[in-house]
């Protein structure tokens, strides 16, 4: 997936993934300064089935891990399933009270 462009759009509270000029997937979030609640992962229907949402979640998690100042709350079922499938990445999850 080398022809993909990942971007963080803080004004829109979302991460995006483009293939060429096409927007293929969006990950909406809410950032309160301590945690990032990932609220919705969406892939444009014509691009579904190619792993774009998973790639987008992975890149967003990598960006947050690199920053090191936020924990993730997986509100979206897809994001929660992604963490279930990637247990080595769970260190960034916000511990439940």
PDB file of N, CA and C in Angstrom:
ATOM      1  N   UNK A   1       0.838  -1.191   0.000  1.00  0.00           N
ATOM      2  CA  UNK A   1       0.000   0.000   0.000  1.00  0.00           C
ATOM      3  C   UNK A   1       0.874   1.242   0.000  1.00  0.00           C
ATOM      4  N   UNK A   2       1.783   1.286  -0.934  1.00  0.00           N
ATOM      5  CA  UNK A   2       2.741   2.385  -0.986  1.00  0.00           C
ATOM      6  C   UNK A   2       2.191   3.632  -1.662  1.00  0.00           C
ATOM      7  N   UNK A   3       1.138   3.512  -2.451  1.00  0.00           N
ATOM      8  CA  UNK A   3       0.601   4.677  -3.150  1.00  0.00           C
ATOM      9  C   UNK A   3      -0.461   5.404  -2.330  1.00  0.00           C
ATOM     10  N   UNK A   4      -0.492   5.141  -1.030  1.00  0.00           N
ATOM     11  CA  UNK A   4      -1.492   5.747  -0.156  1.00  0.00           C
ATOM     12  C   UNK A   4      -0.919   6.960   0.562  1.00  0.00           C
ATOM     13  N   UNK A   5      -1.779   7.957   0.756  1.00  0.00           N
ATOM     14  CA  UNK A   5      -1.393   9.173   1.467  1.00  0.00           C
ATOM     15  C   UNK A   5      -2.245   9.293   2.730  1.00  0.00           C
ATOM     16  N   UNK A   6      -1.576   9.320   3.873  1.00  0.00           N
ATOM     17  CA  UNK A   6      -2.214   9.444   5.180  1.00  0.00           C
ATOM     18  C   UNK A   6      -2.138  10.895   5.617  1.00  0.00           C
ATOM     19  N   UNK A   7      -3.229  11.403   6.186  1.00  0.00           N
ATOM     20  CA  UNK A   7      -3.218  12.781   6.676  1.00  0.00           C
ATOM     21  C   UNK A   7      -4.047  12.893   7.940  1.00  0.00           C
ATOM     22  N   UNK A   8      -3.596  13.780   8.825  1.00  0.00           N
ATOM     23  CA  UNK A   8      -4.381  14.146   9.995  1.00  0.00           C
ATOM     24  C   UNK A   8      -4.990  15.506   9.698  1.00  0.00           C
ATOM     25  N   UNK A   9      -6.302  15.604   9.885  1.00  0.00           N
ATOM     26  CA  UNK A   9      -7.013  16.856   9.643  1.00  0.00           C
ATOM     27  C   UNK A   9      -7.629  17.319  10.960  1.00  0.00           C
ATOM     28  N   UNK A  10      -6.830  17.984  11.813  1.00  0.00           N
ATOM     29  CA  UNK A  10      -7.322  18.342  13.147  1.00  0.00           C
ATOM     30  C   UNK A  10      -8.534  19.270  13.145  1.00  0.00           C
ATOM     31  N   UNK A  11      -8.648  20.131  12.145  1.00  0.00           N
ATOM     32  CA  UNK A  11      -9.807  21.029  12.089  1.00  0.00           C
ATOM     33  C   UNK A  11     -11.106  20.262  11.871  1.00  0.00           C
ATOM     34  N   UNK A  12     -11.014  19.094  11.228  1.00  0.00           N
ATOM     35  CA  UNK A  12     -12.186  18.253  10.980  1.00  0.00           C
ATOM     36  C   UNK A  12     -12.248  17.073  11.957  1.00  0.00           C
ATOM     37  N   UNK A  13     -11.272  16.986  12.864  1.00  0.00           N
ATOM     38  CA  UNK A  13     -11.183  15.875  13.836  1.00  0.00           C
ATOM     39  C   UNK A  13     -11.245  14.528  13.129  1.00  0.00           C
ATOM     40  N   UNK A  14     -10.350  14.366  12.141  1.00  0.00           N
ATOM     41  CA  UNK A  14     -10.327  13.101  11.421  1.00  0.00           C
ATOM     42  C   UNK A  14      -8.952  12.832  10.827  1.00  0.00           C
ATOM     43  N   UNK A  15      -8.708  11.549  10.619  1.00  0.00           N
ATOM     44  CA  UNK A  15      -7.577  11.085   9.838  1.00  0.00           C
ATOM     45  C   UNK A  15      -8.155  10.635   8.497  1.00  0.00           C
ATOM     46  N   UNK A  16      -7.378  10.793   7.436  1.00  0.00           N
ATOM     47  CA  UNK A  16      -7.845  10.362   6.122  1.00  0.00           C
ATOM     48  C   UNK A  16      -6.782   9.533   5.424  1.00  0.00           C
ATOM     49  N   UNK A  17      -7.254   8.714   4.495  1.00  0.00           N
ATOM     50  CA  UNK A  17      -6.375   7.926   3.648  1.00  0.00           C
ATOM     51  C   UNK A  17      -6.834   8.117   2.215  1.00  0.00           C
ATOM     52  N   UNK A  18      -5.903   8.550   1.372  1.00  0.00           N
ATOM     53  CA  UNK A  18      -6.177   8.767  -0.048  1.00  0.00           C
ATOM     54  C   UNK A  18      -5.355   7.799  -0.878  1.00  0.00           C
ATOM     55  N   UNK A  19      -5.929   7.345  -1.958  1.00  0.00           N
ATOM     56  CA  UNK A  19      -5.196   6.604  -2.983  1.00  0.00           C
ATOM     57  C   UNK A  19      -5.213   7.485  -4.215  1.00  0.00           C
ATOM     58  N   UNK A  20      -4.058   8.026  -4.543  1.00  0.00           N
ATOM     59  CA  UNK A  20      -4.028   9.028  -5.606  1.00  0.00           C
ATOM     60  C   UNK A  20      -4.859  10.235  -5.184  1.00  0.00           C
ATOM     61  N   UNK A  21      -5.780  10.649  -6.043  1.00  0.00           N
ATOM     62  CA  UNK A  21      -6.662  11.776  -5.722  1.00  0.00           C
ATOM     63  C   UNK A  21      -7.929  11.343  -4.996  1.00  0.00           C
ATOM     64  N   UNK A  22      -8.140  10.035  -4.835  1.00  0.00           N
ATOM     65  CA  UNK A  22      -9.383   9.523  -4.250  1.00  0.00           C
ATOM     66  C   UNK A  22      -9.296   9.373  -2.737  1.00  0.00           C
ATOM     67  N   UNK A  23     -10.271   9.934  -2.030  1.00  0.00           N
ATOM     68  CA  UNK A  23     -10.427   9.679  -0.607  1.00  0.00           C
ATOM     69  C   UNK A  23     -10.989   8.273  -0.470  1.00  0.00           C
ATOM     70  N   UNK A  24     -10.284   7.388   0.241  1.00  0.00           N
ATOM     71  CA  UNK A  24     -10.753   6.009   0.350  1.00  0.00           C
ATOM     72  C   UNK A  24     -11.275   5.663   1.731  1.00  0.00           C
ATOM     73  N   UNK A  25     -10.731   6.313   2.785  1.00  0.00           N
ATOM     74  CA  UNK A  25     -11.169   5.956   4.138  1.00  0.00           C
ATOM     75  C   UNK A  25     -10.984   7.139   5.082  1.00  0.00           C
ATOM     76  N   UNK A  26     -11.854   7.198   6.101  1.00  0.00           N
ATOM     77  CA  UNK A  26     -11.852   8.275   7.089  1.00  0.00           C
ATOM     78  C   UNK A  26     -11.960   7.657   8.478  1.00  0.00           C
ATOM     79  N   UNK A  27     -11.219   8.226   9.435  1.00  0.00           N
ATOM     80  CA  UNK A  27     -11.305   7.828  10.832  1.00  0.00           C
ATOM     81  C   UNK A  27     -11.587   9.077  11.651  1.00  0.00           C
ATOM     82  N   UNK A  28     -12.815   9.194  12.166  1.00  0.00           N
ATOM     83  CA  UNK A  28     -13.203  10.344  12.983  1.00  0.00           C
ATOM     84  C   UNK A  28     -12.746  10.125  14.420  1.00  0.00           C
ATOM     85  N   UNK A  29     -12.415  11.220  15.097  1.00  0.00           N
ATOM     86  CA  UNK A  29     -11.969  11.112  16.489  1.00  0.00           C
ATOM     87  C   UNK A  29     -12.369  12.351  17.282  1.00  0.00           C
ATOM     88  N   UNK A  30     -12.302  12.197  18.608  1.00  0.00           N
ATOM     89  CA  UNK A  30     -12.450  13.310  19.548  1.00  0.00           C
ATOM     90  C   UNK A  30     -11.220  13.302  20.445  1.00  0.00           C
ATOM     91  N   UNK A  31     -10.534  14.429  20.525  1.00  0.00           N
ATOM     92  CA  UNK A  31      -9.300  14.548  21.306  1.00  0.00           C
ATOM     93  C   UNK A  31      -9.548  15.528  22.448  1.00  0.00           C
ATOM     94  N   UNK A  32      -9.426  15.045  23.691  1.00  0.00           N
ATOM     95  CA  UNK A  32      -9.657  15.921  24.841  1.00  0.00           C
ATOM     96  C   UNK A  32      -8.349  16.377  25.497  1.00  0.00           C
ATOM     97  N   UNK A  33      -7.220  16.116  24.842  1.00  0.00           N
ATOM     98  CA  UNK A  33      -5.930  16.516  25.390  1.00  0.00           C
ATOM     99  C   UNK A  33      -5.226  15.406  26.148  1.00  0.00           C
ATOM    100  N   UNK A  34      -5.955  14.386  26.557  1.00  0.00           N
ATOM    101  CA  UNK A  34      -5.378  13.222  27.240  1.00  0.00           C
ATOM    102  C   UNK A  34      -5.676  11.936  26.495  1.00  0.00           C
ATOM    103  N   UNK A  35      -6.881  11.884  25.889  1.00  0.00           N
ATOM    104  CA  UNK A  35      -7.294  10.690  25.171  1.00  0.00           C
ATOM    105  C   UNK A  35      -7.827  11.059  23.789  1.00  0.00           C
ATOM    106  N   UNK A  36      -7.752  10.084  22.898  1.00  0.00           N
ATOM    107  CA  UNK A  36      -8.327  10.225  21.565  1.00  0.00           C
ATOM    108  C   UNK A  36      -9.375   9.123  21.432  1.00  0.00           C
ATOM    109  N   UNK A  37     -10.630   9.531  21.389  1.00  0.00           N
ATOM    110  CA  UNK A  37     -11.722   8.582  21.186  1.00  0.00           C
ATOM    111  C   UNK A  37     -11.911   8.417  19.687  1.00  0.00           C
ATOM    112  N   UNK A  38     -11.620   7.220  19.200  1.00  0.00           N
ATOM    113  CA  UNK A  38     -11.812   6.936  17.772  1.00  0.00           C
ATOM    114  C   UNK A  38     -13.260   6.508  17.588  1.00  0.00           C
ATOM    115  N   UNK A  39     -14.049   7.395  16.984  1.00  0.00           N
ATOM    116  CA  UNK A  39     -15.499   7.252  16.998  1.00  0.00           C
ATOM    117  C   UNK A  39     -16.105   6.593  15.771  1.00  0.00           C
ATOM    118  N   UNK A  40     -15.413   6.669  14.617  1.00  0.00           N
ATOM    119  CA  UNK A  40     -15.999   6.083  13.410  1.00  0.00           C
ATOM    120  C   UNK A  40     -14.930   5.858  12.362  1.00  0.00           C
ATOM    121  N   UNK A  41     -14.862   4.629  11.880  1.00  0.00           N
ATOM    122  CA  UNK A  41     -14.014   4.303  10.731  1.00  0.00           C
ATOM    123  C   UNK A  41     -14.955   4.060   9.559  1.00  0.00           C
ATOM    124  N   UNK A  42     -14.654   4.698   8.442  1.00  0.00           N
ATOM    125  CA  UNK A  42     -15.535   4.603   7.276  1.00  0.00           C
ATOM    126  C   UNK A  42     -14.682   4.476   6.024  1.00  0.00           C
ATOM    127  N   UNK A  43     -15.044   3.532   5.181  1.00  0.00           N
ATOM    128  CA  UNK A  43     -14.414   3.397   3.869  1.00  0.00           C
ATOM    129  C   UNK A  43     -15.474   3.633   2.802  1.00  0.00           C
ATOM    130  N   UNK A  44     -15.127   4.438   1.825  1.00  0.00           N
ATOM    131  CA  UNK A  44     -16.025   4.708   0.701  1.00  0.00           C
ATOM    132  C   UNK A  44     -16.416   3.360   0.082  1.00  0.00           C
ATOM    133  N   UNK A  45     -17.722   3.121  -0.117  1.00  0.00           N
ATOM    134  CA  UNK A  45     -18.181   1.792  -0.562  1.00  0.00           C
ATOM    135  C   UNK A  45     -17.429   1.212  -1.756  1.00  0.00           C
ATOM    136  N   UNK A  46     -17.087   2.016  -2.743  1.00  0.00           N
ATOM    137  CA  UNK A  46     -16.402   1.472  -3.930  1.00  0.00           C
ATOM    138  C   UNK A  46     -14.978   1.014  -3.627  1.00  0.00           C
ATOM    139  N   UNK A  47     -14.438   1.377  -2.448  1.00  0.00           N
ATOM    140  CA  UNK A  47     -13.075   0.989  -2.080  1.00  0.00           C
ATOM    141  C   UNK A  47     -13.031  -0.052  -0.961  1.00  0.00           C
ATOM    142  N   UNK A  48     -14.167  -0.537  -0.543  1.00  0.00           N
ATOM    143  CA  UNK A  48     -14.204  -1.514   0.549  1.00  0.00           C
ATOM    144  C   UNK A  48     -13.610  -2.847   0.118  1.00  0.00           C
ATOM    145  N   UNK A  49     -13.108  -3.584   1.108  1.00  0.00           N
ATOM    146  CA  UNK A  49     -12.572  -4.909   0.850  1.00  0.00           C
ATOM    147  C   UNK A  49     -11.099  -4.938   0.486  1.00  0.00           C
ATOM    148  N   UNK A  50     -10.415  -3.795   0.617  1.00  0.00           N
ATOM    149  CA  UNK A  50      -8.996  -3.730   0.267  1.00  0.00           C
ATOM    150  C   UNK A  50      -8.107  -3.457   1.477  1.00  0.00           C
ATOM    151  N   UNK A  51      -8.687  -3.430   2.681  1.00  0.00           N
ATOM    152  CA  UNK A  51      -7.898  -3.223   3.890  1.00  0.00           C
ATOM    153  C   UNK A  51      -7.577  -1.775   4.203  1.00  0.00           C
ATOM    154  N   UNK A  52      -8.262  -0.840   3.559  1.00  0.00           N
ATOM    155  CA  UNK A  52      -7.945   0.569   3.776  1.00  0.00           C
ATOM    156  C   UNK A  52      -8.266   1.036   5.193  1.00  0.00           C
ATOM    157  N   UNK A  53      -9.373   0.618   5.759  1.00  0.00           N
ATOM    158  CA  UNK A  53      -9.716   1.047   7.124  1.00  0.00           C
ATOM    159  C   UNK A  53      -8.669   0.545   8.112  1.00  0.00           C
ATOM    160  N   UNK A  54      -8.249  -0.693   7.959  1.00  0.00           N
ATOM    161  CA  UNK A  54      -7.213  -1.234   8.838  1.00  0.00           C
ATOM    162  C   UNK A  54      -5.903  -0.483   8.700  1.00  0.00           C
ATOM    163  N   UNK A  55      -5.539  -0.152   7.469  1.00  0.00           N
ATOM    164  CA  UNK A  55      -4.321   0.627   7.218  1.00  0.00           C
ATOM    165  C   UNK A  55      -4.428   2.003   7.862  1.00  0.00           C
ATOM    166  N   UNK A  56      -5.591   2.617   7.772  1.00  0.00           N
ATOM    167  CA  UNK A  56      -5.797   3.940   8.349  1.00  0.00           C
ATOM    168  C   UNK A  56      -5.703   3.895   9.866  1.00  0.00           C
ATOM    169  N   UNK A  57      -6.340   2.914  10.499  1.00  0.00           N
ATOM    170  CA  UNK A  57      -6.261   2.787  11.958  1.00  0.00           C
ATOM    171  C   UNK A  57      -4.804   2.566  12.369  1.00  0.00           C
ATOM    172  N   UNK A  58      -4.102   1.697  11.655  1.00  0.00           N
ATOM    173  CA  UNK A  58      -2.702   1.431  11.996  1.00  0.00           C
ATOM    174  C   UNK A  58      -1.857   2.691  11.922  1.00  0.00           C
ATOM    175  N   UNK A  59      -2.032   3.460  10.877  1.00  0.00           N
ATOM    176  CA  UNK A  59      -1.235   4.688  10.732  1.00  0.00           C
ATOM    177  C   UNK A  59      -1.599   5.712  11.803  1.00  0.00           C
ATOM    178  N   UNK A  60      -2.875   5.814  12.156  1.00  0.00           N
ATOM    179  CA  UNK A  60      -3.289   6.741  13.215  1.00  0.00           C
ATOM    180  C   UNK A  60      -2.689   6.309  14.553  1.00  0.00           C
ATOM    181  N   UNK A  61      -2.724   5.009  14.838  1.00  0.00           N
ATOM    182  CA  UNK A  61      -2.146   4.499  16.084  1.00  0.00           C
ATOM    183  C   UNK A  61      -0.637   4.761  16.100  1.00  0.00           C
ATOM    184  N   UNK A  62       0.035   4.542  14.988  1.00  0.00           N
ATOM    185  CA  UNK A  62       1.476   4.818  14.902  1.00  0.00           C
ATOM    186  C   UNK A  62       1.767   6.289  15.182  1.00  0.00           C
ATOM    187  N   UNK A  63       0.943   7.170  14.630  1.00  0.00           N
ATOM    188  CA  UNK A  63       1.136   8.607  14.845  1.00  0.00           C
ATOM    189  C   UNK A  63       0.962   8.950  16.323  1.00  0.00           C
ATOM    190  N   UNK A  64      -0.043   8.376  16.952  1.00  0.00           N
ATOM    191  CA  UNK A  64      -0.288   8.644  18.368  1.00  0.00           C
ATOM    192  C   UNK A  64       0.790   8.023  19.255  1.00  0.00           C
ATOM    193  N   UNK A  65       1.253   6.832  18.915  1.00  0.00           N
ATOM    194  CA  UNK A  65       2.336   6.212  19.675  1.00  0.00           C
ATOM    195  C   UNK A  65       3.609   7.057  19.584  1.00  0.00           C
ATOM    196  N   UNK A  66       3.890   7.591  18.413  1.00  0.00           N
ATOM    197  CA  UNK A  66       5.081   8.421  18.227  1.00  0.00           C
ATOM    198  C   UNK A  66       5.001   9.695  19.061  1.00  0.00           C
ATOM    199  N   UNK A  67       3.821  10.261  19.171  1.00  0.00           N
ATOM    200  CA  UNK A  67       3.639  11.471  19.992  1.00  0.00           C
ATOM    201  C   UNK A  67       3.803  11.139  21.467  1.00  0.00           C
ATOM    202  N   UNK A  68       3.214  10.023  21.882  1.00  0.00           N
ATOM    203  CA  UNK A  68       3.378   9.545  23.253  1.00  0.00           C
ATOM    204  C   UNK A  68       2.622  10.298  24.325  1.00  0.00           C
ATOM    205  N   UNK A  69       1.688  11.158  23.955  1.00  0.00           N
ATOM    206  CA  UNK A  69       0.997  11.957  24.970  1.00  0.00           C
ATOM    207  C   UNK A  69      -0.514  11.721  25.020  1.00  0.00           C
ATOM    208  N   UNK A  70      -0.999  10.688  24.345  1.00  0.00           N
ATOM    209  CA  UNK A  70      -2.429  10.390  24.325  1.00  0.00           C
ATOM    210  C   UNK A  70      -2.649   8.884  24.458  1.00  0.00           C
ATOM    211  N   UNK A  71      -3.788   8.530  25.029  1.00  0.00           N
ATOM    212  CA  UNK A  71      -4.268   7.153  25.050  1.00  0.00           C
ATOM    213  C   UNK A  71      -5.481   7.088  24.129  1.00  0.00           C
ATOM    214  N   UNK A  72      -5.793   5.903  23.644  1.00  0.00           N
ATOM    215  CA  UNK A  72      -6.897   5.712  22.696  1.00  0.00           C
ATOM    216  C   UNK A  72      -8.073   5.056  23.378  1.00  0.00           C
ATOM    217  N   UNK A  73      -9.257   5.554  23.070  1.00  0.00           N
ATOM    218  CA  UNK A  73     -10.519   4.926  23.467  1.00  0.00           C
ATOM    219  C   UNK A  73     -11.186   4.449  22.179  1.00  0.00           C
ATOM    220  N   UNK A  74     -11.289   3.134  21.975  1.00  0.00           N
ATOM    221  CA  UNK A  74     -11.867   2.615  20.726  1.00  0.00           C
ATOM    222  C   UNK A  74     -13.395   2.574  20.785  1.00  0.00           C
ATOM    223  N   UNK A  75     -14.029   3.695  20.521  1.00  0.00           N
ATOM    224  CA  UNK A  75     -15.494   3.777  20.552  1.00  0.00           C
ATOM    225  C   UNK A  75     -16.100   2.998  19.378  1.00  0.00           C
ATOM    226  N   UNK A  76     -15.510   3.137  18.216  1.00  0.00           N
ATOM    227  CA  UNK A  76     -15.995   2.463  17.008  1.00  0.00           C
ATOM    228  C   UNK A  76     -15.729   0.965  17.096  1.00  0.00           C
ATOM    229  N   UNK A  77     -16.707   0.164  16.709  1.00  0.00           N
ATOM    230  CA  UNK A  77     -16.556  -1.295  16.771  1.00  0.00           C
ATOM    231  C   UNK A  77     -15.388  -1.763  15.908  1.00  0.00           C
ATOM    232  N   UNK A  78     -15.160  -1.110  14.761  1.00  0.00           N
ATOM    233  CA  UNK A  78     -14.086  -1.536  13.877  1.00  0.00           C
ATOM    234  C   UNK A  78     -12.729  -1.321  14.544  1.00  0.00           C
ATOM    235  N   UNK A  79     -12.576  -0.190  15.200  1.00  0.00           N
ATOM    236  CA  UNK A  79     -11.316   0.105  15.888  1.00  0.00           C
ATOM    237  C   UNK A  79     -11.111  -0.891  17.033  1.00  0.00           C
ATOM    238  N   UNK A  80     -12.159  -1.185  17.779  1.00  0.00           N
ATOM    239  CA  UNK A  80     -12.059  -2.185  18.863  1.00  0.00           C
ATOM    240  C   UNK A  80     -11.646  -3.538  18.302  1.00  0.00           C
ATOM    241  N   UNK A  81     -12.234  -3.944  17.190  1.00  0.00           N
ATOM    242  CA  UNK A  81     -11.854  -5.217  16.544  1.00  0.00           C
ATOM    243  C   UNK A  81     -10.410  -5.170  16.065  1.00  0.00           C
ATOM    244  N   UNK A  82      -9.959  -4.019  15.571  1.00  0.00           N
ATOM    245  CA  UNK A  82      -8.577  -3.890  15.123  1.00  0.00           C
ATOM    246  C   UNK A  82      -7.618  -4.138  16.286  1.00  0.00           C
ATOM    247  N   UNK A  83      -7.927  -3.549  17.450  1.00  0.00           N
ATOM    248  CA  UNK A  83      -7.074  -3.780  18.618  1.00  0.00           C
ATOM    249  C   UNK A  83      -7.134  -5.233  19.073  1.00  0.00           C
ATOM    250  N   UNK A  84      -8.287  -5.882  18.961  1.00  0.00           N
ATOM    251  CA  UNK A  84      -8.382  -7.306  19.285  1.00  0.00           C
ATOM    252  C   UNK A  84      -7.478  -8.140  18.376  1.00  0.00           C
ATOM    253  N   UNK A  85      -7.402  -7.753  17.105  1.00  0.00           N
ATOM    254  CA  UNK A  85      -6.585  -8.474  16.131  1.00  0.00           C
ATOM    255  C   UNK A  85      -5.101  -8.095  16.220  1.00  0.00           C
ATOM    256  N   UNK A  86      -4.787  -7.004  16.933  1.00  0.00           N
ATOM    257  CA  UNK A  86      -3.412  -6.517  17.066  1.00  0.00           C
ATOM    258  C   UNK A  86      -3.075  -6.303  18.543  1.00  0.00           C
ATOM    259  N   UNK A  87      -3.045  -7.386  19.327  1.00  0.00           N
ATOM    260  CA  UNK A  87      -2.870  -7.243  20.773  1.00  0.00           C
ATOM    261  C   UNK A  87      -1.562  -6.556  21.179  1.00  0.00           C
ATOM    262  N   UNK A  88      -0.549  -6.599  20.339  1.00  0.00           N
ATOM    263  CA  UNK A  88       0.715  -5.952  20.689  1.00  0.00           C
ATOM    264  C   UNK A  88       0.596  -4.429  20.710  1.00  0.00           C
ATOM    265  N   UNK A  89      -0.477  -3.905  20.169  1.00  0.00           N
ATOM    266  CA  UNK A  89      -0.681  -2.450  20.108  1.00  0.00           C
ATOM    267  C   UNK A  89      -1.554  -1.940  21.244  1.00  0.00           C
ATOM    268  N   UNK A  90      -2.009  -2.806  22.125  1.00  0.00           N
ATOM    269  CA  UNK A  90      -2.956  -2.413  23.174  1.00  0.00           C
ATOM    270  C   UNK A  90      -2.360  -1.503  24.249  1.00  0.00           C
ATOM    271  N   UNK A  91      -1.050  -1.337  24.256  1.00  0.00           N
ATOM    272  CA  UNK A  91      -0.426  -0.476  25.258  1.00  0.00           C
ATOM    273  C   UNK A  91      -0.881   0.969  25.187  1.00  0.00           C
ATOM    274  N   UNK A  92      -1.403   1.387  24.057  1.00  0.00           N
ATOM    275  CA  UNK A  92      -1.859   2.767  23.889  1.00  0.00           C
ATOM    276  C   UNK A  92      -3.317   2.947  24.327  1.00  0.00           C
ATOM    277  N   UNK A  93      -3.994   1.851  24.638  1.00  0.00           N
ATOM    278  CA  UNK A  93      -5.400   1.963  25.023  1.00  0.00           C
ATOM    279  C   UNK A  93      -5.536   2.607  26.395  1.00  0.00           C
ATOM    280  N   UNK A  94      -6.578   3.419  26.543  1.00  0.00           N
ATOM    281  CA  UNK A  94      -6.892   4.029  27.827  1.00  0.00           C
ATOM    282  C   UNK A  94      -7.433   2.946  28.749  1.00  0.00           C
ATOM    283  N   UNK A  95      -6.816   2.769  29.923  1.00  0.00           N
ATOM    284  CA  UNK A  95      -7.331   1.728  30.825  1.00  0.00           C
ATOM    285  C   UNK A  95      -8.724   2.068  31.301  1.00  0.00           C
ATOM    286  N   UNK A  96      -9.563   1.061  31.358  1.00  0.00           N
ATOM    287  CA  UNK A  96     -10.940   1.293  31.847  1.00  0.00           C
ATOM    288  C   UNK A  96     -10.916   1.455  33.345  1.00  0.00           C
ATOM    289  N   UNK A  97     -11.739   2.379  33.862  1.00  0.00           N
ATOM    290  CA  UNK A  97     -11.764   2.605  35.319  1.00  0.00           C
ATOM    291  C   UNK A  97     -12.360   1.425  36.064  1.00  0.00           C
TER     292      UNK A  97
END
